[in-house]
Amino acid sequence: MRFARYRLALRQVNGLLDAPFSNAKVAPRWWRWLAVLGLSSSMVVACGSGSDRPNDAQAGPSLSLELRTAVDGSAVDFGRIGGIVAAGDGTIYVADVQAQEIVSINADGTRRSVIGRIGAGPGEFRGLRGTLAWIDGRLHTFDWRNQQITLFDASGAVVGTISWPNGRFSGSALLTGGNQLFAREVIFPPIGAAGVPRPAPALQFAAFEGAGAPTPLPMPRDSVIWPQSMDCEAPSGAIHILGIPLRSWFPREAFLSNGSLAVAHRDSFVIEILDPSTGESVRQLTRNMPPIALTDERWESLPEVVEFRAIQQEANGDLWLPRDRSEACELPHPEHLPAVRAIASDEAGRLWIEIASPSGFRLNVFQDDGSFLGEADMPPRDASVPFYVRDNTLYLVTTDELDVQSIEVYEVRDVS
């Protein structure tokens, strides 16, 4: 049960970091019309210069996933996994954001060593984030409290640091495209005069060069960051910061090995490929797929809904929007699942796209030129931790009924 309590505490901390997002009232069902990063269907038509559409009248070529390694979380004793990456030799690096350390796992699933610890010195963490990157034999980790990226070699020795001030904001993350390190940055405008509403934060992308702060790329900047949490007040006066279902699905953008940025739309299978030098759309990956209804059974099984129901029951059903007890606190309930749950790129520049299906989720794979390579059923996973792909190997995190996280490693076959 300590894991469940920690998850709630961690969400409360993240909610405090997201405080500028939390003041807007959340109206049920409106968000399903919004495309991620503010890219609407009209923008796709206006700026797309090409389209790669697989024959989607039937299922695509079948890929097979074979479980190769399972890392039992109860045996390794993970606190809370925030992210995973893997090296070329199969070593897995796990960001334990509760213990504030990196755990390295051998390719056979056995625990190797621990990198870092709580502290403010070299190689120590005070605010370890789950976003990790493995580039040129170096593990890149980020600590939002000291606003820097620390580089470790395979032995765990510190080999460099990179300053990243904008990484301190919740929602910022490290991204990779081939051997290049990029950043997803949430930018908060300065606070103005008293009584003047603070402008909404914006989303931008940047590229790292050397040890300096990243350089912003001329990509479209999103002027609205939709809240991922909401505040509910109990009769006792306690404020609960609750995650909004389906909002935390991420990431929906990935850099390819040539530096292009792939951005997934929310409500339809449209992947926009953007030129990094101009920010213009150069290609679209699309599939004509019907929307997947969000059934009551599937809705009630979402972790955010399960947590909301428990708090609602404890409050005897009396949960209100803070400072306005005339309006009950309810989670926004969309009619359909978002078409794209997450996307990732591998070292070969291929795109791995997780999509909703009537029975669960499917994994679609595209070559960097837009050709459709195939699809397979996605194994059940913890959607709060991004999956990772390298060398035709899929790494993901699972959670059992006791909220214990484990790692599963699958070999992906029949993908060229």
Protein backbone atom coordinates (compact mmCIF):
# COMPACT_ATOMS: atom_id res chain seq x y z
CA MET A 1 0.00 0.00 0.00
CA ARG A 2 2.97 2.32 0.40
CA PHE A 3 3.16 2.52 -3.38
CA ALA A 4 -0.44 3.68 -3.67
CA ARG A 5 0.09 6.35 -1.01
CA TYR A 6 3.25 7.51 -2.73
CA ARG A 7 1.48 7.76 -6.08
CA LEU A 8 -1.11 10.10 -4.55
CA ALA A 9 1.59 12.17 -2.86
CA LEU A 10 3.59 12.40 -6.08
CA ARG A 11 0.50 13.51 -7.99
CA GLN A 12 -0.11 16.20 -5.37
CA VAL A 13 3.45 17.47 -5.78
CA ASN A 14 3.11 17.49 -9.57
CA GLY A 15 -0.20 19.27 -9.17
CA LEU A 16 1.49 22.03 -7.21
CA LEU A 17 4.01 22.42 -10.01
CA ASP A 18 1.07 22.58 -12.43
CA ALA A 19 -0.72 25.20 -10.31
CA PRO A 20 -0.92 27.78 -13.15
CA PHE A 21 -2.95 25.21 -15.11
CA SER A 22 -5.35 24.35 -12.30
CA ASN A 23 -7.41 27.51 -12.04
CA ALA A 24 -9.48 26.93 -15.17
CA LYS A 25 -12.78 25.15 -14.61
CA VAL A 26 -12.98 21.83 -16.42
CA ALA A 27 -16.16 21.27 -18.40
CA PRO A 28 -17.03 17.65 -19.25
CA ARG A 29 -16.57 16.46 -22.82
CA TRP A 30 -15.21 19.65 -24.38
CA TRP A 31 -11.62 18.50 -24.57
CA ARG A 32 -12.22 15.74 -27.09
CA TRP A 33 -12.26 18.34 -29.89
CA LEU A 34 -8.78 19.55 -29.09
CA ALA A 35 -5.80 18.19 -30.95
CA VAL A 36 -2.54 17.84 -29.08
CA LEU A 37 -0.22 20.87 -29.42
CA GLY A 38 -3.16 22.83 -30.80
CA LEU A 39 -2.83 21.19 -34.24
CA SER A 40 -6.36 20.96 -35.65
CA SER A 41 -7.58 19.03 -38.67
CA SER A 42 -7.75 22.26 -40.65
CA MET A 43 -4.07 22.88 -39.98
CA VAL A 44 -3.22 19.41 -41.27
CA VAL A 45 -4.93 20.16 -44.57
CA ALA A 46 -3.44 23.65 -44.82
CA CYS A 47 0.21 22.85 -44.19
CA GLY A 48 0.62 19.21 -45.14
CA SER A 49 2.57 18.74 -48.35
CA GLY A 50 2.31 14.98 -48.57
CA SER A 51 0.47 12.03 -47.10
CA ASP A 52 1.47 8.42 -46.45
CA ARG A 53 -1.65 6.35 -45.96
CA PRO A 54 -1.42 2.57 -45.51
CA ASN A 55 -4.20 0.39 -46.86
CA ASP A 56 -6.35 0.41 -43.75
CA ALA A 57 -9.38 -1.45 -45.08
CA GLN A 58 -7.77 -4.49 -43.48
CA ALA A 59 -5.30 -4.92 -40.61
CA GLY A 60 -1.69 -4.16 -41.45
CA PRO A 61 1.13 -6.72 -41.68
CA SER A 62 1.28 -8.71 -38.48
CA LEU A 63 4.23 -8.31 -36.12
CA SER A 64 4.92 -10.67 -33.26
CA LEU A 65 6.05 -9.77 -29.74
CA GLU A 66 7.89 -12.38 -27.70
CA LEU A 67 8.53 -11.78 -24.00
CA ARG A 68 12.28 -11.99 -23.51
CA THR A 69 12.86 -10.68 -19.98
CA ALA A 70 10.67 -9.79 -17.01
CA VAL A 71 12.07 -7.74 -14.13
CA ASP A 72 10.01 -8.40 -11.00
CA GLY A 73 9.48 -5.07 -9.25
CA SER A 74 8.87 -6.68 -5.86
CA ALA A 75 12.27 -8.40 -6.05
CA VAL A 76 14.18 -5.33 -7.25
CA ASP A 77 12.13 -3.13 -4.87
CA PHE A 78 11.49 -0.16 -7.13
CA GLY A 79 10.04 2.84 -5.32
CA ARG A 80 8.32 4.55 -8.26
CA ILE A 81 9.50 4.20 -11.85
CA GLY A 82 9.43 7.45 -13.82
CA GLY A 83 11.22 6.36 -17.00
CA ILE A 84 13.38 3.70 -18.64
CA VAL A 85 15.99 3.55 -21.41
CA ALA A 86 18.31 0.82 -22.64
CA ALA A 87 21.88 0.68 -23.93
CA GLY A 88 23.06 -1.22 -26.98
CA ASP A 89 24.14 -4.20 -24.85
CA GLY A 90 20.64 -4.55 -23.40
CA THR A 91 21.37 -2.90 -20.05
CA ILE A 92 18.22 -1.19 -18.74
CA TYR A 93 18.44 2.09 -16.83
CA VAL A 94 15.47 2.84 -14.58
CA ALA A 95 14.72 6.25 -13.05
CA ASP A 96 13.36 5.64 -9.55
CA VAL A 97 11.83 9.02 -8.74
CA GLN A 98 10.90 7.97 -5.22
CA ALA A 99 14.37 6.80 -4.20
CA GLN A 100 16.02 9.53 -6.34
CA GLU A 101 18.39 7.10 -8.00
CA ILE A 102 19.02 5.25 -11.26
CA VAL A 103 18.88 1.46 -11.10
CA SER A 104 20.78 -0.43 -13.81
CA ILE A 105 19.47 -3.86 -14.81
CA ASN A 106 21.43 -6.44 -16.76
CA ALA A 107 20.02 -7.77 -20.03
CA ASP A 108 18.98 -10.98 -18.25
CA GLY A 109 16.85 -9.02 -15.77
CA THR A 110 19.18 -9.14 -12.77
CA ARG A 111 20.00 -6.01 -10.83
CA ARG A 112 23.45 -4.60 -11.59
CA SER A 113 24.03 -1.38 -9.67
CA VAL A 114 22.64 1.92 -8.43
CA ILE A 115 23.70 5.24 -9.93
CA GLY A 116 23.32 8.43 -7.91
CA ARG A 117 21.61 9.13 -4.62
CA ILE A 118 19.76 11.90 -2.82
CA GLY A 119 21.93 14.98 -2.44
CA ALA A 120 23.20 18.15 -4.09
CA GLY A 121 26.70 17.03 -5.08
CA PRO A 122 28.03 15.69 -8.40
CA GLY A 123 25.97 12.72 -9.55
CA GLU A 124 23.37 13.26 -6.82
CA PHE A 125 19.69 14.10 -7.26
CA ARG A 126 17.20 16.29 -5.46
CA GLY A 127 14.53 16.36 -8.15
CA LEU A 128 15.18 13.44 -10.51
CA ARG A 129 12.69 13.38 -13.36
CA GLY A 130 11.70 10.25 -15.21
CA THR A 131 12.92 11.46 -18.61
CA LEU A 132 16.13 9.63 -19.53
CA ALA A 133 18.19 9.43 -22.72
CA TRP A 134 21.00 7.15 -23.89
CA ILE A 135 23.23 8.79 -26.52
CA ASP A 136 26.75 7.81 -27.63
CA GLY A 137 27.34 5.57 -24.63
CA ARG A 138 26.19 8.20 -22.14
CA LEU A 139 23.18 8.13 -19.84
CA HIS A 140 21.47 11.56 -19.67
CA THR A 141 19.43 12.28 -16.53
CA PHE A 142 17.64 15.43 -15.46
CA ASP A 143 17.24 17.01 -12.02
CA TRP A 144 14.67 19.83 -12.09
CA ARG A 145 15.73 21.28 -8.73
CA ASN A 146 19.28 22.08 -9.82
CA GLN A 147 18.14 22.66 -13.42
CA GLN A 148 20.81 20.54 -15.05
CA ILE A 149 21.31 17.36 -17.01
CA THR A 150 23.96 14.99 -15.68
CA LEU A 151 25.78 12.59 -18.00
CA PHE A 152 27.00 9.21 -16.72
CA ASP A 153 29.09 6.58 -18.46
CA ALA A 154 28.19 2.88 -18.37
CA SER A 155 29.99 2.42 -15.05
CA GLY A 156 27.97 5.19 -13.37
CA ALA A 157 30.74 7.79 -13.30
CA VAL A 158 29.81 11.43 -13.94
CA VAL A 159 31.28 12.60 -17.27
CA GLY A 160 29.54 15.94 -17.77
CA THR A 161 26.68 18.30 -17.02
CA ILE A 162 24.39 20.50 -19.16
CA SER A 163 22.44 23.48 -17.87
CA TRP A 164 18.69 23.44 -18.61
CA PRO A 165 16.76 26.15 -16.72
CA ASN A 166 13.44 25.62 -18.54
CA GLY A 167 13.42 21.97 -17.56
CA ARG A 168 12.28 22.90 -14.06
CA PHE A 169 8.71 23.39 -15.26
CA SER A 170 6.33 20.45 -15.09
CA GLY A 171 5.69 19.11 -18.58
CA SER A 172 9.25 19.63 -19.82
CA ALA A 173 11.03 16.49 -21.00
CA LEU A 174 14.13 15.19 -22.75
CA LEU A 175 13.67 13.74 -26.23
CA THR A 176 16.11 12.03 -28.58
CA GLY A 177 16.33 11.75 -32.35
CA GLY A 178 19.12 9.39 -33.37
CA ASN A 179 22.20 10.70 -31.53
CA GLN A 180 20.79 14.20 -31.00
CA LEU A 181 19.33 15.43 -27.71
CA PHE A 182 16.24 17.62 -27.82
CA ALA A 183 13.98 19.24 -25.25
CA ARG A 184 10.25 19.67 -24.88
CA GLU A 185 9.85 22.89 -22.89
CA VAL A 186 6.86 24.41 -21.14
CA ILE A 187 7.48 28.16 -20.97
CA PHE A 188 5.76 30.32 -18.36
CA PRO A 189 5.40 34.04 -19.16
CA PRO A 190 6.49 36.50 -16.45
CA ILE A 191 3.91 37.43 -13.86
CA GLY A 192 2.41 40.84 -14.67
CA ALA A 193 0.86 43.51 -12.51
CA ALA A 194 -1.49 42.65 -9.67
CA GLY A 195 -4.97 41.84 -10.88
CA VAL A 196 -3.82 41.10 -14.44
CA PRO A 197 -4.33 37.44 -15.43
CA ARG A 198 -1.10 35.65 -16.16
CA PRO A 199 -0.83 34.61 -19.84
CA ALA A 200 -1.13 30.92 -20.56
CA PRO A 201 2.13 28.93 -20.72
CA ALA A 202 3.45 27.93 -24.14
CA LEU A 203 5.05 24.77 -25.46
CA GLN A 204 8.24 24.86 -27.54
CA PHE A 205 10.96 22.48 -28.68
CA ALA A 206 14.71 23.03 -28.52
CA ALA A 207 17.97 21.31 -29.50
CA PHE A 208 21.03 20.83 -27.31
CA GLU A 209 24.49 21.63 -28.65
CA GLY A 210 27.42 21.05 -26.34
CA ALA A 211 27.13 21.90 -22.66
CA GLY A 212 25.00 25.04 -23.05
CA ALA A 213 21.27 25.54 -22.67
CA PRO A 214 19.21 24.29 -25.63
CA THR A 215 18.42 26.50 -28.63
CA PRO A 216 14.70 26.90 -29.44
CA LEU A 217 13.61 25.43 -32.77
CA PRO A 218 11.25 27.25 -35.17
CA MET A 219 8.44 24.81 -34.45
CA PRO A 220 4.82 25.87 -33.86
CA ARG A 221 4.36 27.05 -30.30
CA ASP A 222 1.20 25.95 -28.57
CA SER A 223 -0.40 28.88 -26.74
CA VAL A 224 -2.59 26.70 -24.53
CA ILE A 225 -1.41 23.88 -22.29
CA TRP A 226 -4.47 21.91 -21.24
CA PRO A 227 -4.55 20.98 -17.53
CA GLN A 228 -3.73 17.42 -16.56
CA SER A 229 -5.06 17.75 -13.01
CA MET A 230 -7.95 19.36 -11.19
CA ASP A 231 -8.62 20.39 -7.59
CA CYS A 232 -11.51 18.97 -5.58
CA GLU A 233 -12.46 20.07 -2.06
CA ALA A 234 -13.80 17.62 0.54
CA PRO A 235 -16.22 18.54 3.39
CA SER A 236 -13.21 18.56 5.74
CA GLY A 237 -11.69 21.38 3.70
CA ALA A 238 -8.94 19.13 2.33
CA ILE A 239 -7.97 19.87 -1.27
CA HIS A 240 -7.35 16.81 -3.44
CA ILE A 241 -5.32 17.27 -6.62
CA LEU A 242 -6.64 14.62 -9.00
CA GLY A 243 -5.37 13.58 -12.41
CA ILE A 244 -7.74 14.07 -15.33
CA PRO A 245 -8.23 10.75 -17.14
CA LEU A 246 -6.52 10.33 -20.51
CA ARG A 247 -4.82 13.73 -20.30
CA SER A 248 -1.58 12.23 -19.00
CA TRP A 249 -1.11 9.93 -21.99
CA PHE A 250 2.27 10.83 -23.37
CA PRO A 251 4.42 11.42 -25.23
CA ARG A 252 2.59 12.39 -28.40
CA GLU A 253 5.66 13.79 -30.10
CA ALA A 254 8.99 12.24 -31.10
CA PHE A 255 12.09 13.36 -32.98
CA LEU A 256 13.31 11.17 -35.82
CA SER A 257 16.96 10.40 -36.54
CA ASN A 258 17.05 13.15 -39.21
CA GLY A 259 15.86 15.74 -36.70
CA SER A 260 12.28 15.96 -37.98
CA LEU A 261 9.56 16.20 -35.35
CA ALA A 262 6.59 13.80 -35.45
CA VAL A 263 3.48 15.14 -33.71
CA ALA A 264 0.39 13.01 -33.09
CA HIS A 265 -3.11 14.44 -33.17
CA ARG A 266 -5.45 13.46 -30.38
CA ASP A 267 -8.77 12.57 -31.97
CA SER A 268 -7.71 10.88 -35.20
CA PHE A 269 -4.80 8.86 -36.52
CA VAL A 270 -2.82 11.73 -38.01
CA ILE A 271 0.93 12.03 -37.43
CA GLU A 272 2.35 15.32 -38.66
CA ILE A 273 6.05 15.32 -39.67
CA LEU A 274 7.56 18.80 -39.26
CA ASP A 275 10.74 20.21 -40.78
CA PRO A 276 13.00 21.29 -37.86
CA SER A 277 14.47 24.23 -39.79
CA THR A 278 11.15 25.82 -40.73
CA GLY A 279 8.50 24.20 -38.57
CA GLU A 280 6.47 23.43 -41.72
CA SER A 281 4.66 20.16 -42.33
CA VAL A 282 6.40 17.93 -44.87
CA ARG A 283 4.43 14.70 -44.54
CA GLN A 284 1.47 13.08 -42.80
CA LEU A 285 1.03 9.52 -41.63
CA THR A 286 -2.67 8.70 -41.55
CA ARG A 287 -5.01 5.78 -41.07
CA ASN A 288 -8.76 5.90 -41.51
CA MET A 289 -9.83 4.38 -38.22
CA PRO A 290 -13.25 4.65 -36.56
CA PRO A 291 -13.38 6.27 -33.10
CA ILE A 292 -13.29 3.88 -30.15
CA ALA A 293 -16.17 4.42 -27.73
CA LEU A 294 -15.13 4.90 -24.11
CA THR A 295 -17.38 2.36 -22.41
CA ASP A 296 -18.37 2.68 -18.75
CA GLU A 297 -16.35 -0.44 -17.93
CA ARG A 298 -13.23 0.94 -19.53
CA TRP A 299 -13.80 4.37 -17.96
CA GLU A 300 -14.16 2.97 -14.45
CA SER A 301 -10.94 0.96 -14.86
CA LEU A 302 -8.80 4.05 -15.55
CA PRO A 303 -6.40 4.72 -12.62
CA GLU A 304 -7.52 8.35 -12.25
CA VAL A 305 -11.17 7.30 -12.06
CA VAL A 306 -10.40 4.57 -9.52
CA GLU A 307 -8.62 7.12 -7.33
CA PHE A 308 -11.44 9.66 -7.76
CA ARG A 309 -14.07 7.10 -6.74
CA ALA A 310 -12.12 6.18 -3.59
CA ILE A 311 -11.84 9.83 -2.51
CA GLN A 312 -15.46 10.44 -3.46
CA GLN A 313 -16.59 7.52 -1.31
CA GLU A 314 -14.50 8.74 1.62
CA ALA A 315 -16.20 12.16 1.29
CA ASN A 316 -19.66 10.53 1.10
CA GLY A 317 -20.00 11.84 -2.42
CA ASP A 318 -19.49 15.47 -1.43
CA LEU A 319 -16.64 16.80 -3.55
CA TRP A 320 -16.78 20.38 -4.78
CA LEU A 321 -14.75 22.76 -6.86
CA PRO A 322 -12.60 24.77 -4.42
CA ARG A 323 -14.03 28.10 -3.28
CA ASP A 324 -17.28 27.36 -5.11
CA ARG A 325 -19.36 24.77 -3.30
CA SER A 326 -22.28 25.34 -5.66
CA GLU A 327 -20.65 23.13 -8.30
CA ALA A 328 -19.84 19.48 -7.77
CA CYS A 329 -16.39 18.21 -8.72
CA GLU A 330 -16.70 15.76 -11.61
CA LEU A 331 -14.11 14.28 -13.93
CA PRO A 332 -14.56 15.20 -17.61
CA HIS A 333 -15.91 12.08 -19.37
CA PRO A 334 -15.20 12.01 -23.13
CA GLU A 335 -17.29 9.85 -25.44
CA HIS A 336 -14.30 8.34 -27.24
CA LEU A 337 -10.75 7.32 -26.44
CA PRO A 338 -8.00 9.46 -27.98
CA ALA A 339 -6.90 7.77 -31.20
CA VAL A 340 -3.19 7.91 -30.30
CA ARG A 341 -2.03 6.98 -26.83
CA ALA A 342 1.72 7.53 -27.30
CA ILE A 343 4.47 7.59 -29.92
CA ALA A 344 8.20 6.88 -29.76
CA SER A 345 11.10 6.70 -32.19
CA ASP A 346 13.98 4.25 -32.23
CA GLU A 347 17.64 4.59 -33.19
CA ALA A 348 16.81 3.70 -36.82
CA GLY A 349 14.33 6.55 -37.13
CA ARG A 350 11.22 4.37 -37.15
CA LEU A 351 8.04 5.53 -35.46
CA TRP A 352 6.24 3.30 -32.97
CA ILE A 353 2.67 4.48 -32.49
CA GLU A 354 0.35 3.12 -29.80
CA ILE A 355 -3.32 3.44 -30.78
CA ALA A 356 -6.62 2.60 -29.11
CA SER A 357 -8.55 -0.49 -30.19
CA PRO A 358 -11.88 -1.97 -29.04
CA SER A 359 -10.13 -4.63 -26.96
CA GLY A 360 -7.10 -2.68 -25.75
CA PHE A 361 -4.26 -1.04 -27.66
CA ARG A 362 -2.31 -1.75 -30.84
CA LEU A 363 1.28 -0.94 -31.76
CA ASN A 364 1.81 0.42 -35.30
CA VAL A 365 5.31 0.75 -36.79
CA PHE A 366 6.26 3.14 -39.62
CA GLN A 367 9.56 3.54 -41.46
CA ASP A 368 11.08 7.04 -41.47
CA ASP A 369 9.98 7.45 -45.10
CA GLY A 370 6.36 6.90 -44.07
CA SER A 371 5.99 3.27 -45.20
CA PHE A 372 3.84 1.11 -42.94
CA LEU A 373 5.81 -1.84 -41.51
CA GLY A 374 3.14 -3.61 -39.48
CA GLU A 375 1.19 -3.81 -36.23
CA ALA A 376 0.69 -5.98 -33.17
CA ASP A 377 -1.33 -6.03 -29.97
CA MET A 378 0.32 -3.88 -27.30
CA PRO A 379 0.83 -5.76 -24.01
CA PRO A 380 -0.89 -4.18 -20.97
CA ARG A 381 1.34 -1.49 -19.48
CA ASP A 382 1.53 1.41 -17.04
CA ALA A 383 0.65 4.38 -19.26
CA SER A 384 2.24 6.82 -16.80
CA VAL A 385 5.69 5.64 -17.94
CA PRO A 386 6.62 6.02 -21.65
CA PHE A 387 7.54 2.82 -23.46
CA TYR A 388 10.98 2.62 -25.07
CA VAL A 389 12.19 0.89 -28.25
CA ARG A 390 15.72 0.02 -29.32
CA ASP A 391 17.15 -2.65 -31.65
CA ASN A 392 13.71 -4.16 -32.35
CA THR A 393 13.19 -4.53 -28.60
CA LEU A 394 10.22 -3.07 -26.72
CA TYR A 395 10.67 -2.01 -23.08
CA LEU A 396 7.62 -1.19 -20.96
CA VAL A 397 6.49 -0.90 -17.34
CA THR A 398 3.58 -2.82 -15.86
CA THR A 399 1.67 -2.38 -12.59
CA ASP A 400 -0.05 -5.14 -10.63
CA GLU A 401 -3.11 -4.98 -8.36
CA LEU A 402 -0.90 -3.93 -5.43
CA ASP A 403 0.51 -1.01 -7.47
CA VAL A 404 3.94 -2.67 -7.70
CA GLN A 405 5.73 -1.77 -10.91
CA SER A 406 7.72 -4.27 -12.97
CA ILE A 407 9.51 -4.17 -16.34
CA GLU A 408 8.85 -6.37 -19.36
CA VAL A 409 11.13 -6.66 -22.40
CA TYR A 410 9.76 -7.96 -25.72
CA GLU A 411 11.55 -8.92 -28.91
CA VAL A 412 9.67 -7.53 -31.92
CA ARG A 413 9.81 -9.93 -34.84
CA ASP A 414 8.93 -9.59 -38.52
CA VAL A 415 9.73 -5.87 -38.60
CA SER A 416 12.21 -4.87 -41.31
